[in-house]
């Protein structure tokens, strides 16, 4: 969880913390009391960042990986199931007082921030981390638009018989190419557990099991990129998120495979690393707090 406070005098304060794993041994199914604990921890860190006066803020932007309805209530969050039914907007409003609280999908906000940073009104963004998020910006506006849900790029199906995704379907690009999915594939190829650090070192060292595992993730991402580009024709594709930012070889693999998938007479757009690294969603939340996009 990353927090950023921008002051009227142009000063900036930032902090970050980790929520504990959901209660119980199965992080995907536990539901006992986790949301209350998470909100209490969030409130404590916000008060520390704001010197005990969060109610003095004039605007608040929140980038969420969860699905929210129009009232700001969480309807689904596979990674933290205890949040289902939580009135997030209400909880944050109680914390921030009269400050306007605006919530949006973290992938959509990351795409907006990257478009703003790149000065590119038409782009596709993919964030590769513990899951895969992303968003599309066309004519400077997030797609599909306010009130129509979020752009769930991570749940594009790239393999009908692929691995099971936490959404319940098989073959989503998230299930094939996220950081954990890549590590699981690498472990199968190597024959024992693989940590992120071990994978990164092995890729840089050219170990076949590591390079092949990462390349397979790159091919899945390229399939998703190609499908979106055939429909919407963005000018630029950016790939970020914590896993991709720390594993730069991945972007090059996606770019290579995307170019191979281009049709004659229809060259794909360039595929490049995101400019904001793993903080795209945070910068998008700041834009949201400022009232962008309107």
C-alpha atoms as a PDB file:
ATOM      1  CA  UNK A   1       0.000   0.000   0.000  1.00  0.00           C
ATOM      2  CA  UNK A   2       1.553   3.316  -1.095  1.00  0.00           C
ATOM      3  CA  UNK A   3       0.486   6.749   0.175  1.00  0.00           C
ATOM      4  CA  UNK A   4       1.381  10.147  -1.285  1.00  0.00           C
ATOM      5  CA  UNK A   5       0.472  13.545   0.135  1.00  0.00           C
ATOM      6  CA  UNK A   6       0.937  16.674  -1.984  1.00  0.00           C
ATOM      7  CA  UNK A   7       0.939  19.946  -0.049  1.00  0.00           C
ATOM      8  CA  UNK A   8      -0.159  23.418  -1.142  1.00  0.00           C
ATOM      9  CA  UNK A   9       3.473  24.564  -0.919  1.00  0.00           C
ATOM     10  CA  UNK A  10       4.366  21.847  -3.499  1.00  0.00           C
ATOM     11  CA  UNK A  11       5.992  19.684  -0.834  1.00  0.00           C
ATOM     12  CA  UNK A  12       5.465  15.926  -1.075  1.00  0.00           C
ATOM     13  CA  UNK A  13       5.243  13.309   1.675  1.00  0.00           C
ATOM     14  CA  UNK A  14       5.152   9.595   0.936  1.00  0.00           C
ATOM     15  CA  UNK A  15       4.972   6.363   2.871  1.00  0.00           C
ATOM     16  CA  UNK A  16       4.202   2.726   2.251  1.00  0.00           C
ATOM     17  CA  UNK A  17       3.313  -0.375   4.224  1.00  0.00           C
ATOM     18  CA  UNK A  18       2.188  -3.950   3.696  1.00  0.00           C
ATOM     19  CA  UNK A  19      -1.117  -5.381   4.807  1.00  0.00           C
ATOM     20  CA  UNK A  20      -0.780  -8.775   6.498  1.00  0.00           C
ATOM     21  CA  UNK A  21      -1.933 -11.821   4.616  1.00  0.00           C
ATOM     22  CA  UNK A  22      -5.666 -12.529   4.992  1.00  0.00           C
ATOM     23  CA  UNK A  23      -6.488 -14.548   8.114  1.00  0.00           C
ATOM     24  CA  UNK A  24      -6.118 -18.289   7.800  1.00  0.00           C
ATOM     25  CA  UNK A  25      -3.860 -20.526   5.792  1.00  0.00           C
ATOM     26  CA  UNK A  26      -5.725 -20.026   2.512  1.00  0.00           C
ATOM     27  CA  UNK A  27      -5.331 -16.428   1.417  1.00  0.00           C
ATOM     28  CA  UNK A  28      -7.963 -16.859  -1.261  1.00  0.00           C
ATOM     29  CA  UNK A  29     -10.817 -18.036   0.957  1.00  0.00           C
ATOM     30  CA  UNK A  30     -10.331 -16.568   4.422  1.00  0.00           C
ATOM     31  CA  UNK A  31     -12.931 -13.987   5.394  1.00  0.00           C
ATOM     32  CA  UNK A  32     -12.692 -13.531   9.153  1.00  0.00           C
ATOM     33  CA  UNK A  33     -12.234  -9.940  10.208  1.00  0.00           C
ATOM     34  CA  UNK A  34      -9.605  -9.008   7.675  1.00  0.00           C
ATOM     35  CA  UNK A  35     -11.278  -5.870   6.332  1.00  0.00           C
ATOM     36  CA  UNK A  36     -11.636  -4.249   9.760  1.00  0.00           C
ATOM     37  CA  UNK A  37      -7.985  -4.954  10.556  1.00  0.00           C
ATOM     38  CA  UNK A  38      -6.893  -3.628   7.150  1.00  0.00           C
ATOM     39  CA  UNK A  39      -8.893  -0.412   7.516  1.00  0.00           C
ATOM     40  CA  UNK A  40      -7.558   0.187  11.019  1.00  0.00           C
ATOM     41  CA  UNK A  41      -3.994  -0.179   9.771  1.00  0.00           C
ATOM     42  CA  UNK A  42      -4.700   2.082   6.791  1.00  0.00           C
ATOM     43  CA  UNK A  43      -6.188   4.760   9.050  1.00  0.00           C
ATOM     44  CA  UNK A  44      -3.142   4.677  11.318  1.00  0.00           C
ATOM     45  CA  UNK A  45      -0.715   5.188   8.455  1.00  0.00           C
ATOM     46  CA  UNK A  46      -2.834   7.950   6.945  1.00  0.00           C
ATOM     47  CA  UNK A  47      -2.941   9.823  10.257  1.00  0.00           C
ATOM     48  CA  UNK A  48       0.825   9.503  10.590  1.00  0.00           C
ATOM     49  CA  UNK A  49       1.363  10.841   7.075  1.00  0.00           C
ATOM     50  CA  UNK A  50      -1.055  13.709   7.635  1.00  0.00           C
ATOM     51  CA  UNK A  51       0.356  14.593  11.069  1.00  0.00           C
ATOM     52  CA  UNK A  52      -2.892  13.516  12.704  1.00  0.00           C
ATOM     53  CA  UNK A  53      -5.122  15.815  10.617  1.00  0.00           C
ATOM     54  CA  UNK A  54      -6.405  13.893   7.580  1.00  0.00           C
ATOM     55  CA  UNK A  55      -9.642  15.900   7.683  1.00  0.00           C
ATOM     56  CA  UNK A  56      -7.707  18.962   6.464  1.00  0.00           C
ATOM     57  CA  UNK A  57      -7.166  17.470   3.008  1.00  0.00           C
ATOM     58  CA  UNK A  58      -9.117  18.972   0.114  1.00  0.00           C
ATOM     59  CA  UNK A  59      -9.162  15.932  -2.156  1.00  0.00           C
ATOM     60  CA  UNK A  60      -8.470  12.196  -1.911  1.00  0.00           C
ATOM     61  CA  UNK A  61      -7.884   9.742  -4.752  1.00  0.00           C
ATOM     62  CA  UNK A  62      -7.910   5.985  -4.181  1.00  0.00           C
ATOM     63  CA  UNK A  63      -6.612   3.380  -6.641  1.00  0.00           C
ATOM     64  CA  UNK A  64      -8.249   0.027  -5.892  1.00  0.00           C
ATOM     65  CA  UNK A  65      -7.663  -3.463  -7.300  1.00  0.00           C
ATOM     66  CA  UNK A  66     -11.139  -4.400  -6.039  1.00  0.00           C
ATOM     67  CA  UNK A  67     -14.413  -4.049  -7.906  1.00  0.00           C
ATOM     68  CA  UNK A  68     -16.648  -1.259  -6.575  1.00  0.00           C
ATOM     69  CA  UNK A  69     -20.273  -0.514  -7.343  1.00  0.00           C
ATOM     70  CA  UNK A  70     -21.615   2.983  -8.002  1.00  0.00           C
ATOM     71  CA  UNK A  71     -22.000   3.678  -4.268  1.00  0.00           C
ATOM     72  CA  UNK A  72     -18.367   2.861  -3.468  1.00  0.00           C
ATOM     73  CA  UNK A  73     -19.102  -0.539  -1.929  1.00  0.00           C
ATOM     74  CA  UNK A  74     -16.685  -3.393  -2.640  1.00  0.00           C
ATOM     75  CA  UNK A  75     -18.423  -6.124  -4.609  1.00  0.00           C
ATOM     76  CA  UNK A  76     -15.414  -8.387  -5.219  1.00  0.00           C
ATOM     77  CA  UNK A  77     -11.738  -8.579  -4.317  1.00  0.00           C
ATOM     78  CA  UNK A  78     -10.390 -12.128  -4.820  1.00  0.00           C
ATOM     79  CA  UNK A  79      -7.134 -11.390  -3.011  1.00  0.00           C
ATOM     80  CA  UNK A  80      -8.918 -10.042   0.104  1.00  0.00           C
ATOM     81  CA  UNK A  81     -12.365 -11.671   0.149  1.00  0.00           C
ATOM     82  CA  UNK A  82     -13.302 -10.217   3.549  1.00  0.00           C
ATOM     83  CA  UNK A  83     -13.685  -6.813   1.867  1.00  0.00           C
ATOM     84  CA  UNK A  84     -16.785  -7.866  -0.075  1.00  0.00           C
ATOM     85  CA  UNK A  85     -19.661  -5.676   1.093  1.00  0.00           C
ATOM     86  CA  UNK A  86     -17.429  -3.024   2.718  1.00  0.00           C
ATOM     87  CA  UNK A  87     -18.616   0.555   2.170  1.00  0.00           C
ATOM     88  CA  UNK A  88     -15.170   1.816   1.232  1.00  0.00           C
ATOM     89  CA  UNK A  89     -16.246   5.299   0.279  1.00  0.00           C
ATOM     90  CA  UNK A  90     -18.133   5.651   3.551  1.00  0.00           C
ATOM     91  CA  UNK A  91     -15.194   4.405   5.616  1.00  0.00           C
ATOM     92  CA  UNK A  92     -12.816   6.814   3.919  1.00  0.00           C
ATOM     93  CA  UNK A  93     -15.239   9.705   4.170  1.00  0.00           C
ATOM     94  CA  UNK A  94     -15.452   9.138   7.920  1.00  0.00           C
ATOM     95  CA  UNK A  95     -11.666   9.333   8.063  1.00  0.00           C
ATOM     96  CA  UNK A  96     -11.173  12.357   5.812  1.00  0.00           C
ATOM     97  CA  UNK A  97     -14.137  14.458   6.887  1.00  0.00           C
ATOM     98  CA  UNK A  98     -15.328  16.925   4.248  1.00  0.00           C
ATOM     99  CA  UNK A  99     -12.620  16.097   1.710  1.00  0.00           C
ATOM    100  CA  UNK A 100     -13.990  14.662  -1.526  1.00  0.00           C
ATOM    101  CA  UNK A 101     -13.042  10.986  -1.823  1.00  0.00           C
ATOM    102  CA  UNK A 102     -12.854   9.565  -5.336  1.00  0.00           C
ATOM    103  CA  UNK A 103     -12.187   5.873  -6.000  1.00  0.00           C
ATOM    104  CA  UNK A 104     -11.303   4.150  -9.260  1.00  0.00           C
ATOM    105  CA  UNK A 105      -9.712   0.975 -10.569  1.00  0.00           C
ATOM    106  CA  UNK A 106      -5.954   0.898 -10.086  1.00  0.00           C
ATOM    107  CA  UNK A 107      -5.306  -0.258 -13.646  1.00  0.00           C
ATOM    108  CA  UNK A 108      -7.405   2.527 -15.131  1.00  0.00           C
ATOM    109  CA  UNK A 109      -5.631   5.103 -12.984  1.00  0.00           C
ATOM    110  CA  UNK A 110      -2.211   3.692 -13.858  1.00  0.00           C
ATOM    111  CA  UNK A 111      -3.030   4.017 -17.546  1.00  0.00           C
ATOM    112  CA  UNK A 112      -4.225   7.581 -17.024  1.00  0.00           C
ATOM    113  CA  UNK A 113      -1.041   8.514 -15.175  1.00  0.00           C
ATOM    114  CA  UNK A 114       1.171   6.936 -17.822  1.00  0.00           C
ATOM    115  CA  UNK A 115      -0.713   8.716 -20.605  1.00  0.00           C
ATOM    116  CA  UNK A 116      -0.328  11.987 -18.725  1.00  0.00           C
ATOM    117  CA  UNK A 117       3.400  11.401 -18.190  1.00  0.00           C
ATOM    118  CA  UNK A 118       4.017  10.330 -21.798  1.00  0.00           C
ATOM    119  CA  UNK A 119       1.774  13.076 -23.207  1.00  0.00           C
ATOM    120  CA  UNK A 120       0.109  10.382 -25.279  1.00  0.00           C
ATOM    121  CA  UNK A 121      -3.711  10.549 -25.489  1.00  0.00           C
ATOM    122  CA  UNK A 122      -4.109   6.997 -26.863  1.00  0.00           C
ATOM    123  CA  UNK A 123      -2.333   4.145 -25.142  1.00  0.00           C
ATOM    124  CA  UNK A 124      -2.622   0.693 -23.614  1.00  0.00           C
ATOM    125  CA  UNK A 125      -1.026   0.084 -20.240  1.00  0.00           C
ATOM    126  CA  UNK A 126      -0.353  -3.307 -18.635  1.00  0.00           C
ATOM    127  CA  UNK A 127       0.817  -3.588 -15.039  1.00  0.00           C
ATOM    128  CA  UNK A 128       2.519  -6.885 -14.237  1.00  0.00           C
ATOM    129  CA  UNK A 129       2.882  -7.641 -10.541  1.00  0.00           C
ATOM    130  CA  UNK A 130       1.205 -10.093  -8.175  1.00  0.00           C
ATOM    131  CA  UNK A 131      -1.655  -9.928 -10.685  1.00  0.00           C
ATOM    132  CA  UNK A 132      -2.067  -8.179 -13.995  1.00  0.00           C
ATOM    133  CA  UNK A 133      -3.960  -4.935 -14.205  1.00  0.00           C
ATOM    134  CA  UNK A 134      -4.086  -2.360 -16.894  1.00  0.00           C
ATOM    135  CA  UNK A 135      -6.104   0.205 -18.663  1.00  0.00           C
ATOM    136  CA  UNK A 136      -6.784   1.935 -21.939  1.00  0.00           C
ATOM    137  CA  UNK A 137      -6.792   5.666 -22.574  1.00  0.00           C
ATOM    138  CA  UNK A 138      -8.334   7.021 -25.768  1.00  0.00           C
ATOM    139  CA  UNK A 139      -8.546  10.725 -26.543  1.00  0.00           C
ATOM    140  CA  UNK A 140      -7.161  11.344 -23.062  1.00  0.00           C
ATOM    141  CA  UNK A 141     -10.026   9.533 -21.303  1.00  0.00           C
ATOM    142  CA  UNK A 142     -10.086   6.119 -19.622  1.00  0.00           C
ATOM    143  CA  UNK A 143     -12.038   3.399 -21.418  1.00  0.00           C
ATOM    144  CA  UNK A 144     -14.802   2.248 -20.993  1.00  0.00           C
ATOM    145  CA  UNK A 145     -15.573   5.393 -18.992  1.00  0.00           C
ATOM    146  CA  UNK A 146     -17.173   6.557 -15.775  1.00  0.00           C
ATOM    147  CA  UNK A 147     -20.038   4.359 -14.601  1.00  0.00           C
ATOM    148  CA  UNK A 148     -19.259   1.541 -17.037  1.00  0.00           C
ATOM    149  CA  UNK A 149     -16.813  -0.506 -14.984  1.00  0.00           C
ATOM    150  CA  UNK A 150     -13.076  -0.894 -15.348  1.00  0.00           C
ATOM    151  CA  UNK A 151     -10.843  -2.144 -18.144  1.00  0.00           C
ATOM    152  CA  UNK A 152     -10.010  -5.656 -16.957  1.00  0.00           C
ATOM    153  CA  UNK A 153      -7.096  -6.323 -19.298  1.00  0.00           C
ATOM    154  CA  UNK A 154      -5.756  -8.978 -16.948  1.00  0.00           C
ATOM    155  CA  UNK A 155      -8.804 -11.141 -17.572  1.00  0.00           C
ATOM    156  CA  UNK A 156      -8.495 -11.340 -21.333  1.00  0.00           C
ATOM    157  CA  UNK A 157      -8.394 -15.038 -22.190  1.00  0.00           C
ATOM    158  CA  UNK A 158      -5.221 -15.934 -24.060  1.00  0.00           C
ATOM    159  CA  UNK A 159      -5.364 -19.728 -23.630  1.00  0.00           C
ATOM    160  CA  UNK A 160      -8.701 -21.541 -23.501  1.00  0.00           C
ATOM    161  CA  UNK A 161      -7.115 -24.496 -21.707  1.00  0.00           C
ATOM    162  CA  UNK A 162      -4.705 -22.448 -19.630  1.00  0.00           C
ATOM    163  CA  UNK A 163      -4.179 -22.302 -15.871  1.00  0.00           C
ATOM    164  CA  UNK A 164      -7.004 -21.472 -13.497  1.00  0.00           C
ATOM    165  CA  UNK A 165      -7.317 -17.784 -12.672  1.00  0.00           C
ATOM    166  CA  UNK A 166      -8.501 -16.500  -9.303  1.00  0.00           C
ATOM    167  CA  UNK A 167     -11.592 -15.155 -11.096  1.00  0.00           C
ATOM    168  CA  UNK A 168     -12.685 -18.771 -11.706  1.00  0.00           C
ATOM    169  CA  UNK A 169     -11.959 -18.923 -15.444  1.00  0.00           C
ATOM    170  CA  UNK A 170      -9.098 -20.610 -17.235  1.00  0.00           C
ATOM    171  CA  UNK A 171      -6.544 -18.967 -19.456  1.00  0.00           C
ATOM    172  CA  UNK A 172      -6.698 -15.338 -18.357  1.00  0.00           C
ATOM    173  CA  UNK A 173      -3.480 -13.486 -19.092  1.00  0.00           C
ATOM    174  CA  UNK A 174      -3.170 -12.852 -15.345  1.00  0.00           C
ATOM    175  CA  UNK A 175      -3.095 -16.602 -14.690  1.00  0.00           C
ATOM    176  CA  UNK A 176      -0.449 -17.071 -17.372  1.00  0.00           C
ATOM    177  CA  UNK A 177       1.858 -14.086 -17.007  1.00  0.00           C
ATOM    178  CA  UNK A 178       1.671 -12.474 -13.555  1.00  0.00           C
ATOM    179  CA  UNK A 179       4.705 -12.549 -11.290  1.00  0.00           C
ATOM    180  CA  UNK A 180       3.479 -15.556  -9.250  1.00  0.00           C
ATOM    181  CA  UNK A 181       2.436 -17.402 -12.429  1.00  0.00           C
ATOM    182  CA  UNK A 182       5.913 -16.900 -13.887  1.00  0.00           C
ATOM    183  CA  UNK A 183       7.555 -18.136 -10.686  1.00  0.00           C
ATOM    184  CA  UNK A 184       5.356 -21.241 -10.632  1.00  0.00           C
ATOM    185  CA  UNK A 185       6.284 -22.009 -14.239  1.00  0.00           C
ATOM    186  CA  UNK A 186       9.956 -21.506 -13.467  1.00  0.00           C
ATOM    187  CA  UNK A 187       9.703 -23.868 -10.486  1.00  0.00           C
ATOM    188  CA  UNK A 188       8.196 -26.576 -12.693  1.00  0.00           C
ATOM    189  CA  UNK A 189      10.975 -26.185 -15.247  1.00  0.00           C
ATOM    190  CA  UNK A 190      13.742 -26.104 -12.639  1.00  0.00           C
ATOM    191  CA  UNK A 191      12.282 -28.852 -10.474  1.00  0.00           C
ATOM    192  CA  UNK A 192      12.254 -26.873  -7.230  1.00  0.00           C
ATOM    193  CA  UNK A 193      10.905 -23.660  -5.752  1.00  0.00           C
ATOM    194  CA  UNK A 194      12.101 -20.413  -7.349  1.00  0.00           C
ATOM    195  CA  UNK A 195      12.155 -17.038  -5.612  1.00  0.00           C
ATOM    196  CA  UNK A 196      11.880 -13.773  -7.472  1.00  0.00           C
ATOM    197  CA  UNK A 197      15.523 -12.946  -6.755  1.00  0.00           C
ATOM    198  CA  UNK A 198      16.636 -16.344  -8.036  1.00  0.00           C
ATOM    199  CA  UNK A 199      14.598 -15.924 -11.214  1.00  0.00           C
ATOM    200  CA  UNK A 200      15.953 -12.448 -11.866  1.00  0.00           C
ATOM    201  CA  UNK A 201      19.534 -13.605 -11.418  1.00  0.00           C
ATOM    202  CA  UNK A 202      18.968 -16.670 -13.576  1.00  0.00           C
ATOM    203  CA  UNK A 203      17.396 -14.647 -16.395  1.00  0.00           C
ATOM    204  CA  UNK A 204      20.330 -12.247 -16.358  1.00  0.00           C
ATOM    205  CA  UNK A 205      22.671 -15.214 -16.355  1.00  0.00           C
ATOM    206  CA  UNK A 206      20.908 -16.720 -19.369  1.00  0.00           C
ATOM    207  CA  UNK A 207      19.762 -19.904 -17.613  1.00  0.00           C
ATOM    208  CA  UNK A 208      17.505 -21.742 -20.111  1.00  0.00           C
ATOM    209  CA  UNK A 209      14.821 -22.665 -17.558  1.00  0.00           C
ATOM    210  CA  UNK A 210      14.516 -19.051 -16.432  1.00  0.00           C
ATOM    211  CA  UNK A 211      14.593 -17.419 -19.854  1.00  0.00           C
ATOM    212  CA  UNK A 212      12.029 -19.897 -21.230  1.00  0.00           C
ATOM    213  CA  UNK A 213       9.703 -19.310 -18.265  1.00  0.00           C
ATOM    214  CA  UNK A 214       9.829 -15.540 -18.662  1.00  0.00           C
ATOM    215  CA  UNK A 215       9.475 -15.745 -22.439  1.00  0.00           C
ATOM    216  CA  UNK A 216       6.277 -17.764 -22.091  1.00  0.00           C
ATOM    217  CA  UNK A 217       4.835 -14.977 -19.943  1.00  0.00           C
ATOM    218  CA  UNK A 218       5.933 -12.489 -22.567  1.00  0.00           C
ATOM    219  CA  UNK A 219       4.105 -14.450 -25.271  1.00  0.00           C
ATOM    220  CA  UNK A 220       0.889 -14.439 -23.240  1.00  0.00           C
ATOM    221  CA  UNK A 221       1.164 -10.686 -22.689  1.00  0.00           C
ATOM    222  CA  UNK A 222       1.862 -10.151 -26.385  1.00  0.00           C
ATOM    223  CA  UNK A 223      -1.296 -12.084 -27.284  1.00  0.00           C
ATOM    224  CA  UNK A 224      -3.333  -9.789 -25.042  1.00  0.00           C
ATOM    225  CA  UNK A 225      -1.630  -6.690 -26.440  1.00  0.00           C
ATOM    226  CA  UNK A 226      -2.291  -7.813 -30.011  1.00  0.00           C
ATOM    227  CA  UNK A 227      -5.981  -8.432 -29.370  1.00  0.00           C
ATOM    228  CA  UNK A 228      -6.517  -5.028 -27.794  1.00  0.00           C
ATOM    229  CA  UNK A 229      -4.561  -3.272 -30.554  1.00  0.00           C
ATOM    230  CA  UNK A 230      -6.643  -4.917 -33.271  1.00  0.00           C
ATOM    231  CA  UNK A 231      -9.764  -3.410 -31.695  1.00  0.00           C
ATOM    232  CA  UNK A 232      -8.648   0.023 -30.504  1.00  0.00           C
ATOM    233  CA  UNK A 233      -5.389   0.914 -32.299  1.00  0.00           C
ATOM    234  CA  UNK A 234      -3.561   2.741 -29.491  1.00  0.00           C
ATOM    235  CA  UNK A 235      -0.465   4.723 -30.419  1.00  0.00           C
ATOM    236  CA  UNK A 236       1.670   3.258 -27.651  1.00  0.00           C
ATOM    237  CA  UNK A 237       1.826   0.226 -25.345  1.00  0.00           C
ATOM    238  CA  UNK A 238       3.489   0.612 -21.950  1.00  0.00           C
ATOM    239  CA  UNK A 239       4.261  -2.215 -19.548  1.00  0.00           C
ATOM    240  CA  UNK A 240       4.888  -1.511 -15.875  1.00  0.00           C
ATOM    241  CA  UNK A 241       4.116  -2.900 -12.453  1.00  0.00           C
ATOM    242  CA  UNK A 242       6.550  -4.120  -9.849  1.00  0.00           C
ATOM    243  CA  UNK A 243       7.436  -7.428 -11.507  1.00  0.00           C
ATOM    244  CA  UNK A 244       8.002  -5.930 -14.950  1.00  0.00           C
ATOM    245  CA  UNK A 245       9.927  -2.961 -13.562  1.00  0.00           C
ATOM    246  CA  UNK A 246      12.367  -5.292 -11.812  1.00  0.00           C
ATOM    247  CA  UNK A 247      12.567  -7.701 -14.772  1.00  0.00           C
ATOM    248  CA  UNK A 248      13.298  -5.441 -17.785  1.00  0.00           C
ATOM    249  CA  UNK A 249      13.881  -8.405 -20.082  1.00  0.00           C
ATOM    250  CA  UNK A 250      10.135  -9.055 -20.010  1.00  0.00           C
ATOM    251  CA  UNK A 251       9.225  -5.869 -21.881  1.00  0.00           C
ATOM    252  CA  UNK A 252      11.718  -6.669 -24.625  1.00  0.00           C
ATOM    253  CA  UNK A 253      10.202 -10.154 -24.991  1.00  0.00           C
ATOM    254  CA  UNK A 254       6.683  -8.721 -25.252  1.00  0.00           C
ATOM    255  CA  UNK A 255       7.825  -6.168 -27.827  1.00  0.00           C
ATOM    256  CA  UNK A 256       9.534  -8.856 -29.906  1.00  0.00           C
ATOM    257  CA  UNK A 257       6.536 -11.193 -29.896  1.00  0.00           C
ATOM    258  CA  UNK A 258       4.046  -8.383 -30.549  1.00  0.00           C
ATOM    259  CA  UNK A 259       6.040  -7.370 -33.622  1.00  0.00           C
ATOM    260  CA  UNK A 260       5.971 -10.986 -34.837  1.00  0.00           C
ATOM    261  CA  UNK A 261       2.164 -11.046 -34.493  1.00  0.00           C
ATOM    262  CA  UNK A 262       1.643  -7.926 -36.612  1.00  0.00           C
ATOM    263  CA  UNK A 263      -0.370  -8.377 -39.806  1.00  0.00           C
ATOM    264  CA  UNK A 264       1.007  -7.204 -43.176  1.00  0.00           C
ATOM    265  CA  UNK A 265       0.186  -3.552 -43.589  1.00  0.00           C
ATOM    266  CA  UNK A 266      -0.828  -3.214 -39.941  1.00  0.00           C
ATOM    267  CA  UNK A 267       2.305  -2.674 -37.854  1.00  0.00           C
ATOM    268  CA  UNK A 268       1.679  -2.812 -34.102  1.00  0.00           C
ATOM    269  CA  UNK A 269       2.448   0.196 -31.907  1.00  0.00           C
ATOM    270  CA  UNK A 270       5.739   0.345 -30.021  1.00  0.00           C
ATOM    271  CA  UNK A 271       5.917  -1.566 -26.754  1.00  0.00           C
ATOM    272  CA  UNK A 272       8.001   0.179 -24.107  1.00  0.00           C
ATOM    273  CA  UNK A 273       8.599   0.167 -20.336  1.00  0.00           C
ATOM    274  CA  UNK A 274       6.208   2.293 -18.310  1.00  0.00           C
ATOM    275  CA  UNK A 275       7.666   5.649 -17.325  1.00  0.00           C
ATOM    276  CA  UNK A 276       6.451   5.555 -13.723  1.00  0.00           C
ATOM    277  CA  UNK A 277       7.696   2.062 -12.901  1.00  0.00           C
ATOM    278  CA  UNK A 278       5.707   0.397 -10.146  1.00  0.00           C
ATOM    279  CA  UNK A 279       4.067   3.657  -8.987  1.00  0.00           C
ATOM    280  CA  UNK A 280       1.735   4.307 -11.909  1.00  0.00           C
ATOM    281  CA  UNK A 281      -1.434   3.684  -9.891  1.00  0.00           C
ATOM    282  CA  UNK A 282      -0.267   5.971  -7.092  1.00  0.00           C
ATOM    283  CA  UNK A 283       0.303   8.843  -9.523  1.00  0.00           C
ATOM    284  CA  UNK A 284      -3.080   8.108 -11.091  1.00  0.00           C
ATOM    285  CA  UNK A 285      -4.736   8.401  -7.693  1.00  0.00           C
ATOM    286  CA  UNK A 286      -3.155  11.847  -7.283  1.00  0.00           C
ATOM    287  CA  UNK A 287      -4.591  12.902 -10.640  1.00  0.00           C
ATOM    288  CA  UNK A 288      -7.978  11.623  -9.480  1.00  0.00           C
ATOM    289  CA  UNK A 289      -7.727  13.660  -6.278  1.00  0.00           C
ATOM    290  CA  UNK A 290      -7.017  16.732  -8.385  1.00  0.00           C
ATOM    291  CA  UNK A 291     -10.204  16.155 -10.328  1.00  0.00           C
ATOM    292  CA  UNK A 292      -8.804  14.500 -13.456  1.00  0.00           C
ATOM    293  CA  UNK A 293     -10.292  13.257 -15.629  1.00  0.00           C
ATOM    294  CA  UNK A 294     -13.541  15.230 -15.686  1.00  0.00           C
END
